[in-house]
Each structure stands twice: as structure tokens, then as C-alpha cells.
């Protein structure tokens, strides 16, 4: 690594590897709904309609697709209960807990960014 004003800069190979990792993460968590859905289900397991009420603004079609993607990537589990009518409850998996630090950092950055924009609008 090269040192530039007391800061270690990554090599080209390290940047390339990091970029691949980030693109993989963004591919899995793409869109504005996935992290919100994971947060909703980390709080407690929910039925489809409960999720839709809590995550306002998401259409049923988009919600169904996002839930399928999250299930494929093992962030949530779809539990089907043989009741009449059939009950389906979605819940966060243990794997979704691996996103806690990412979510915490995104939240802190989002708050900081919002404040920065508010400040710039006041000027």
C-alpha cells in the first residue's frame, strides 16, 4: 500500500476486491425496501398484511417480490401453517442479524446526511 499524507491507500487489487464485495452486497440488498423489511421482521415475525401496514408505501406486488428475494438470500424464512385459511408468517433468520452493524452505520450516515442537507438549505 502507498502512504499519502498519513493515510494508507489501498492497492489496485484491494480496490478491485473491495468493489466486487460491495457490488455483491448491493445486489443482494438493492432497492429501497429490503433493509426496511429486514428491520420490520427483526422486530417480530409478521403476516404479509402486517408487513405491508408497517412498511408504508410498498405495493403488494413489490412486497411479494422483495420477500421472495429475501427468502432466497436466507435473510427471512416463510413459515406456512396448515390452518383454514392457510397462515403464512415471515420471520427474520439468524443470518439477518449479520446486517446489524451495516444497518447501524447506514442509519447514522443517513441522519448525518439529512442534517447536512438541512443545514445547507438554511444558508
N, C-alpha and C. Protein backbone atom coordinates (compact mmCIF):
# COMPACT_ATOMS: atom_id res chain seq x y z
N UNK A 1 0.83 -1.19 0.00
CA UNK A 1 0.00 0.00 0.00
C UNK A 1 0.87 1.25 0.00
N UNK A 2 0.39 2.27 -0.64
CA UNK A 2 1.09 3.55 -0.65
C UNK A 2 0.58 4.40 0.51
N UNK A 3 1.45 5.24 1.04
CA UNK A 3 1.03 6.15 2.11
C UNK A 3 0.92 7.55 1.53
N UNK A 4 -0.20 8.19 1.76
CA UNK A 4 -0.46 9.54 1.26
C UNK A 4 -0.94 10.38 2.42
N UNK A 5 -0.10 11.33 2.85
CA UNK A 5 -0.42 12.20 3.99
C UNK A 5 -0.96 11.43 5.18
N UNK A 6 -0.18 10.50 5.68
CA UNK A 6 -0.51 9.69 6.86
C UNK A 6 -1.72 8.78 6.67
N UNK A 7 -2.16 8.62 5.43
CA UNK A 7 -3.29 7.73 5.17
C UNK A 7 -2.82 6.61 4.26
N UNK A 8 -3.14 5.40 4.62
CA UNK A 8 -2.75 4.26 3.79
C UNK A 8 -3.80 4.08 2.70
N UNK A 9 -3.34 4.13 1.46
CA UNK A 9 -4.25 3.95 0.33
C UNK A 9 -4.23 2.50 -0.11
N UNK A 10 -5.38 1.97 -0.47
CA UNK A 10 -5.43 0.58 -0.93
C UNK A 10 -4.76 0.42 -2.30
N UNK A 11 -4.26 -0.77 -2.55
CA UNK A 11 -3.69 -1.07 -3.86
C UNK A 11 -4.81 -1.25 -4.87
N UNK A 12 -4.44 -1.35 -6.13
CA UNK A 12 -5.43 -1.57 -7.19
C UNK A 12 -6.17 -2.89 -6.97
N UNK A 13 -5.42 -3.95 -6.60
CA UNK A 13 -6.05 -5.25 -6.35
C UNK A 13 -7.01 -5.19 -5.16
N UNK A 14 -6.63 -4.47 -4.11
CA UNK A 14 -7.51 -4.33 -2.94
C UNK A 14 -8.78 -3.55 -3.31
N UNK A 15 -8.63 -2.53 -4.13
CA UNK A 15 -9.80 -1.76 -4.58
C UNK A 15 -10.73 -2.63 -5.42
N UNK A 16 -10.14 -3.41 -6.31
CA UNK A 16 -10.94 -4.29 -7.16
C UNK A 16 -11.70 -5.31 -6.32
N UNK A 17 -11.02 -5.91 -5.34
CA UNK A 17 -11.69 -6.88 -4.45
C UNK A 17 -12.78 -6.24 -3.64
N UNK A 18 -12.51 -5.05 -3.14
CA UNK A 18 -13.49 -4.32 -2.34
C UNK A 18 -14.71 -3.95 -3.20
N UNK A 19 -14.45 -3.53 -4.42
CA UNK A 19 -15.55 -3.18 -5.32
C UNK A 19 -16.43 -4.39 -5.60
N UNK A 20 -15.82 -5.55 -5.83
CA UNK A 20 -16.60 -6.78 -6.05
C UNK A 20 -17.47 -7.10 -4.84
N UNK A 21 -16.89 -6.96 -3.65
CA UNK A 21 -17.64 -7.23 -2.42
C UNK A 21 -18.82 -6.28 -2.27
N UNK A 22 -18.59 -5.01 -2.55
CA UNK A 22 -19.66 -4.01 -2.42
C UNK A 22 -20.75 -4.26 -3.46
N UNK A 23 -20.36 -4.59 -4.67
CA UNK A 23 -21.37 -4.87 -5.70
C UNK A 23 -22.20 -6.09 -5.33
N UNK A 24 -21.56 -7.12 -4.76
CA UNK A 24 -22.30 -8.30 -4.30
C UNK A 24 -23.32 -7.91 -3.22
N UNK A 25 -22.86 -7.11 -2.26
CA UNK A 25 -23.75 -6.68 -1.17
C UNK A 25 -24.91 -5.85 -1.71
N UNK A 26 -24.61 -4.91 -2.61
CA UNK A 26 -25.67 -4.08 -3.16
C UNK A 26 -26.63 -4.89 -4.03
N UNK A 27 -26.14 -5.90 -4.70
CA UNK A 27 -27.01 -6.77 -5.50
C UNK A 27 -28.04 -7.46 -4.60
N UNK A 28 -27.59 -7.93 -3.45
CA UNK A 28 -28.48 -8.64 -2.53
C UNK A 28 -29.43 -7.68 -1.84
N UNK A 29 -28.96 -6.49 -1.48
CA UNK A 29 -29.77 -5.54 -0.70
C UNK A 29 -30.30 -4.39 -1.55
N UNK A 30 -30.36 -4.58 -2.87
CA UNK A 30 -30.76 -3.49 -3.76
C UNK A 30 -32.17 -3.00 -3.48
N UNK A 31 -32.44 -1.78 -3.88
CA UNK A 31 -33.77 -1.21 -3.71
C UNK A 31 -33.96 -0.56 -2.36
N UNK A 32 -35.05 0.15 -2.25
CA UNK A 32 -35.30 0.88 -1.00
C UNK A 32 -36.05 0.07 0.04
N UNK A 33 -36.50 -1.12 -0.28
CA UNK A 33 -37.38 -1.85 0.63
C UNK A 33 -36.70 -2.94 1.44
N UNK A 34 -35.65 -3.55 0.94
CA UNK A 34 -35.12 -4.76 1.57
C UNK A 34 -34.66 -4.54 3.01
N UNK A 35 -33.91 -3.50 3.25
CA UNK A 35 -33.43 -3.27 4.62
C UNK A 35 -34.59 -2.92 5.53
N UNK A 36 -35.54 -2.15 5.03
CA UNK A 36 -36.73 -1.82 5.83
C UNK A 36 -37.51 -3.09 6.18
N UNK A 37 -37.63 -4.01 5.24
CA UNK A 37 -38.34 -5.26 5.51
C UNK A 37 -37.60 -6.12 6.52
N UNK A 38 -36.29 -6.18 6.39
CA UNK A 38 -35.50 -6.94 7.36
C UNK A 38 -35.66 -6.35 8.75
N UNK A 39 -35.59 -5.02 8.85
CA UNK A 39 -35.79 -4.36 10.15
C UNK A 39 -37.16 -4.67 10.73
N UNK A 40 -38.17 -4.64 9.91
CA UNK A 40 -39.53 -4.94 10.35
C UNK A 40 -39.63 -6.35 10.92
N UNK A 41 -39.00 -7.30 10.23
CA UNK A 41 -39.10 -8.69 10.65
C UNK A 41 -38.13 -9.05 11.78
N UNK A 42 -37.07 -8.28 11.94
CA UNK A 42 -36.18 -8.49 13.09
C UNK A 42 -36.94 -8.15 14.38
N UNK A 43 -37.82 -7.14 14.31
CA UNK A 43 -38.61 -6.75 15.48
C UNK A 43 -39.51 -7.89 15.92
N UNK A 44 -40.20 -8.50 14.97
CA UNK A 44 -41.08 -9.63 15.28
C UNK A 44 -41.57 -10.27 13.98
N UNK A 45 -41.89 -11.57 14.03
CA UNK A 45 -42.47 -12.24 12.85
C UNK A 45 -43.82 -11.61 12.52
N UNK A 46 -44.15 -11.57 11.22
CA UNK A 46 -45.39 -10.92 10.80
C UNK A 46 -46.00 -11.63 9.61
N UNK A 47 -47.30 -11.39 9.46
CA UNK A 47 -48.02 -11.82 8.26
C UNK A 47 -47.82 -10.76 7.18
N UNK A 48 -48.16 -11.14 5.95
CA UNK A 48 -47.99 -10.27 4.80
C UNK A 48 -48.65 -8.90 5.02
N UNK A 49 -49.92 -8.91 5.42
CA UNK A 49 -50.65 -7.65 5.61
C UNK A 49 -50.06 -6.79 6.73
N UNK A 50 -49.55 -7.43 7.77
CA UNK A 50 -48.92 -6.69 8.85
C UNK A 50 -47.65 -5.99 8.36
N UNK A 51 -46.90 -6.68 7.53
CA UNK A 51 -45.68 -6.08 6.97
C UNK A 51 -46.06 -4.89 6.10
N UNK A 52 -47.08 -5.08 5.26
CA UNK A 52 -47.49 -4.01 4.35
C UNK A 52 -47.96 -2.77 5.11
N UNK A 53 -48.65 -2.95 6.23
CA UNK A 53 -49.10 -1.81 7.04
C UNK A 53 -47.92 -1.11 7.69
N UNK A 54 -46.93 -1.88 8.14
CA UNK A 54 -45.79 -1.29 8.84
C UNK A 54 -44.83 -0.59 7.89
N UNK A 55 -44.59 -1.18 6.73
CA UNK A 55 -43.69 -0.59 5.74
C UNK A 55 -44.55 0.17 4.74
N UNK A 56 -44.92 1.38 5.08
CA UNK A 56 -45.87 2.14 4.28
C UNK A 56 -45.28 2.51 2.92
N UNK A 57 -46.15 2.46 1.93
CA UNK A 57 -45.78 2.86 0.58
C UNK A 57 -45.40 1.72 -0.35
N UNK A 58 -45.26 0.53 0.17
CA UNK A 58 -44.87 -0.61 -0.68
C UNK A 58 -46.15 -1.28 -1.21
N UNK A 59 -46.15 -1.57 -2.50
CA UNK A 59 -47.32 -2.23 -3.11
C UNK A 59 -47.27 -3.72 -2.80
N UNK A 60 -48.43 -4.38 -2.85
CA UNK A 60 -48.45 -5.83 -2.60
C UNK A 60 -47.55 -6.61 -3.55
N UNK A 61 -47.52 -6.23 -4.82
CA UNK A 61 -46.70 -6.93 -5.81
C UNK A 61 -45.21 -6.79 -5.49
N UNK A 62 -44.79 -5.57 -5.18
CA UNK A 62 -43.38 -5.32 -4.84
C UNK A 62 -43.03 -6.05 -3.55
N UNK A 63 -43.92 -6.00 -2.57
CA UNK A 63 -43.68 -6.68 -1.29
C UNK A 63 -43.48 -8.18 -1.51
N UNK A 64 -44.34 -8.78 -2.31
CA UNK A 64 -44.23 -10.22 -2.58
C UNK A 64 -42.88 -10.55 -3.23
N UNK A 65 -42.47 -9.73 -4.20
CA UNK A 65 -41.19 -9.96 -4.87
C UNK A 65 -40.01 -9.77 -3.92
N UNK A 66 -40.07 -8.74 -3.10
CA UNK A 66 -38.98 -8.47 -2.17
C UNK A 66 -38.87 -9.60 -1.12
N UNK A 67 -40.00 -10.08 -0.65
CA UNK A 67 -39.98 -11.18 0.32
C UNK A 67 -39.38 -12.44 -0.30
N UNK A 68 -39.70 -12.70 -1.56
CA UNK A 68 -39.12 -13.86 -2.26
C UNK A 68 -37.60 -13.72 -2.36
N UNK A 69 -37.13 -12.53 -2.73
CA UNK A 69 -35.69 -12.29 -2.82
C UNK A 69 -35.01 -12.46 -1.47
N UNK A 70 -35.62 -11.92 -0.43
CA UNK A 70 -35.03 -12.03 0.91
C UNK A 70 -34.99 -13.48 1.37
N UNK A 71 -36.01 -14.24 1.01
CA UNK A 71 -36.04 -15.66 1.37
C UNK A 71 -34.95 -16.43 0.60
N UNK A 72 -34.79 -16.12 -0.69
CA UNK A 72 -33.75 -16.77 -1.49
C UNK A 72 -32.35 -16.50 -0.94
N UNK A 73 -32.16 -15.32 -0.40
CA UNK A 73 -30.85 -14.94 0.16
C UNK A 73 -30.74 -15.25 1.65
N UNK A 74 -31.71 -15.98 2.17
CA UNK A 74 -31.70 -16.50 3.53
C UNK A 74 -31.73 -15.45 4.64
N UNK A 75 -32.32 -14.29 4.34
CA UNK A 75 -32.49 -13.26 5.36
C UNK A 75 -33.80 -13.45 6.13
N UNK A 76 -34.77 -14.06 5.46
CA UNK A 76 -36.06 -14.32 6.12
C UNK A 76 -36.48 -15.76 5.85
N UNK A 77 -37.43 -16.22 6.67
CA UNK A 77 -37.99 -17.55 6.50
C UNK A 77 -39.50 -17.40 6.38
N UNK A 78 -40.08 -18.15 5.47
CA UNK A 78 -41.53 -18.15 5.24
C UNK A 78 -42.08 -19.41 5.88
N UNK A 79 -42.89 -19.22 6.92
CA UNK A 79 -43.49 -20.35 7.64
C UNK A 79 -44.95 -20.50 7.23
N UNK A 80 -45.30 -21.68 6.74
CA UNK A 80 -46.68 -21.95 6.32
C UNK A 80 -47.31 -22.89 7.34
N UNK A 81 -48.45 -22.45 7.89
CA UNK A 81 -49.17 -23.24 8.89
C UNK A 81 -50.47 -23.76 8.29
N UNK A 82 -50.74 -25.06 8.46
CA UNK A 82 -51.92 -25.69 7.84
C UNK A 82 -53.23 -25.38 8.58
N UNK A 83 -53.57 -24.13 8.63
CA UNK A 83 -54.84 -23.73 9.23
C UNK A 83 -55.83 -23.46 8.11
N UNK A 84 -57.04 -23.13 8.47
CA UNK A 84 -58.04 -22.77 7.46
C UNK A 84 -58.49 -21.34 7.73
N UNK A 85 -58.17 -20.39 6.87
CA UNK A 85 -57.29 -20.49 5.71
C UNK A 85 -55.82 -20.67 6.15
N UNK A 86 -54.98 -21.00 5.19
CA UNK A 86 -53.56 -21.21 5.47
C UNK A 86 -52.96 -19.93 6.04
N UNK A 87 -52.15 -20.05 7.08
CA UNK A 87 -51.46 -18.91 7.68
C UNK A 87 -50.00 -18.93 7.22
N UNK A 88 -49.55 -17.77 6.76
CA UNK A 88 -48.15 -17.64 6.36
C UNK A 88 -47.54 -16.52 7.20
N UNK A 89 -46.48 -16.84 7.90
CA UNK A 89 -45.81 -15.86 8.75
C UNK A 89 -44.34 -15.79 8.34
N UNK A 90 -43.88 -14.57 8.15
CA UNK A 90 -42.49 -14.33 7.76
C UNK A 90 -41.71 -13.95 9.01
N UNK A 91 -40.47 -14.45 9.09
CA UNK A 91 -39.64 -14.09 10.24
C UNK A 91 -38.19 -13.92 9.78
N UNK A 92 -37.46 -13.08 10.48
CA UNK A 92 -36.04 -12.88 10.18
C UNK A 92 -35.26 -14.10 10.63
N UNK A 93 -34.25 -14.45 9.87
CA UNK A 93 -33.38 -15.58 10.22
C UNK A 93 -32.22 -15.07 11.07
N UNK A 94 -31.48 -15.98 11.64
CA UNK A 94 -30.27 -15.60 12.38
C UNK A 94 -29.29 -14.88 11.46
N UNK A 95 -29.27 -15.29 10.19
CA UNK A 95 -28.35 -14.66 9.23
C UNK A 95 -28.63 -13.17 9.06
N UNK A 96 -29.90 -12.76 9.17
CA UNK A 96 -30.23 -11.34 9.03
C UNK A 96 -29.58 -10.50 10.13
N UNK A 97 -29.26 -11.13 11.25
CA UNK A 97 -28.58 -10.42 12.34
C UNK A 97 -27.19 -9.95 11.91
N UNK A 98 -26.62 -10.59 10.88
CA UNK A 98 -25.29 -10.19 10.41
C UNK A 98 -25.29 -8.80 9.78
N UNK A 99 -26.48 -8.26 9.53
CA UNK A 99 -26.59 -6.92 8.95
C UNK A 99 -26.70 -5.81 10.00
N UNK A 100 -26.71 -6.17 11.27
CA UNK A 100 -26.91 -5.16 12.32
C UNK A 100 -25.93 -4.00 12.23
N UNK A 101 -24.64 -4.30 12.10
CA UNK A 101 -23.66 -3.22 12.06
C UNK A 101 -23.81 -2.39 10.78
N UNK A 102 -24.16 -3.04 9.67
CA UNK A 102 -24.39 -2.32 8.41
C UNK A 102 -25.58 -1.38 8.57
N UNK A 103 -26.66 -1.88 9.15
CA UNK A 103 -27.87 -1.08 9.34
C UNK A 103 -27.58 0.09 10.29
N UNK A 104 -26.84 -0.19 11.35
CA UNK A 104 -26.48 0.86 12.31
C UNK A 104 -25.68 1.97 11.63
N UNK A 105 -24.70 1.59 10.83
CA UNK A 105 -23.87 2.56 10.11
C UNK A 105 -24.69 3.34 9.08
N UNK A 106 -25.56 2.65 8.35
CA UNK A 106 -26.42 3.34 7.38
C UNK A 106 -27.34 4.34 8.07
N UNK A 107 -27.87 3.95 9.21
CA UNK A 107 -28.75 4.83 9.97
C UNK A 107 -28.00 6.08 10.43
N UNK A 108 -26.81 5.89 10.97
CA UNK A 108 -26.01 7.03 11.44
C UNK A 108 -25.63 7.93 10.28
N UNK A 109 -25.24 7.33 9.15
CA UNK A 109 -24.87 8.14 8.00
C UNK A 109 -26.09 8.89 7.45
N UNK A 110 -27.25 8.21 7.40
CA UNK A 110 -28.48 8.84 6.91
C UNK A 110 -28.87 10.05 7.76
N UNK A 111 -28.74 9.91 9.08
CA UNK A 111 -29.05 11.03 9.97
C UNK A 111 -28.08 12.19 9.73
N UNK A 112 -26.80 11.86 9.62
CA UNK A 112 -25.78 12.88 9.37
C UNK A 112 -26.03 13.59 8.04
N UNK A 113 -26.37 12.83 7.02
CA UNK A 113 -26.63 13.40 5.70
C UNK A 113 -27.86 14.31 5.72
N UNK A 114 -28.92 13.84 6.38
CA UNK A 114 -30.14 14.64 6.48
C UNK A 114 -29.86 15.98 7.14
N UNK A 115 -29.08 15.96 8.24
CA UNK A 115 -28.73 17.19 8.94
C UNK A 115 -27.89 18.11 8.06
N UNK A 116 -26.98 17.52 7.31
CA UNK A 116 -26.13 18.31 6.41
C UNK A 116 -26.97 19.02 5.36
N UNK A 117 -27.92 18.30 4.79
CA UNK A 117 -28.80 18.90 3.77
C UNK A 117 -29.66 19.99 4.39
N UNK A 118 -30.20 19.75 5.58
CA UNK A 118 -30.99 20.78 6.27
C UNK A 118 -30.16 22.03 6.48
N UNK A 119 -28.91 21.86 6.91
CA UNK A 119 -28.03 23.00 7.15
C UNK A 119 -27.78 23.76 5.85
N UNK A 120 -27.52 23.05 4.77
CA UNK A 120 -27.23 23.72 3.52
C UNK A 120 -28.46 24.47 2.97
N UNK A 121 -29.66 23.99 3.32
CA UNK A 121 -30.89 24.67 2.88
C UNK A 121 -31.16 25.93 3.70
N UNK A 122 -30.63 25.99 4.91
CA UNK A 122 -30.83 27.16 5.76
C UNK A 122 -29.98 28.34 5.33
N UNK A 123 -28.91 28.06 4.59
CA UNK A 123 -27.97 29.13 4.19
C UNK A 123 -28.51 29.95 3.06
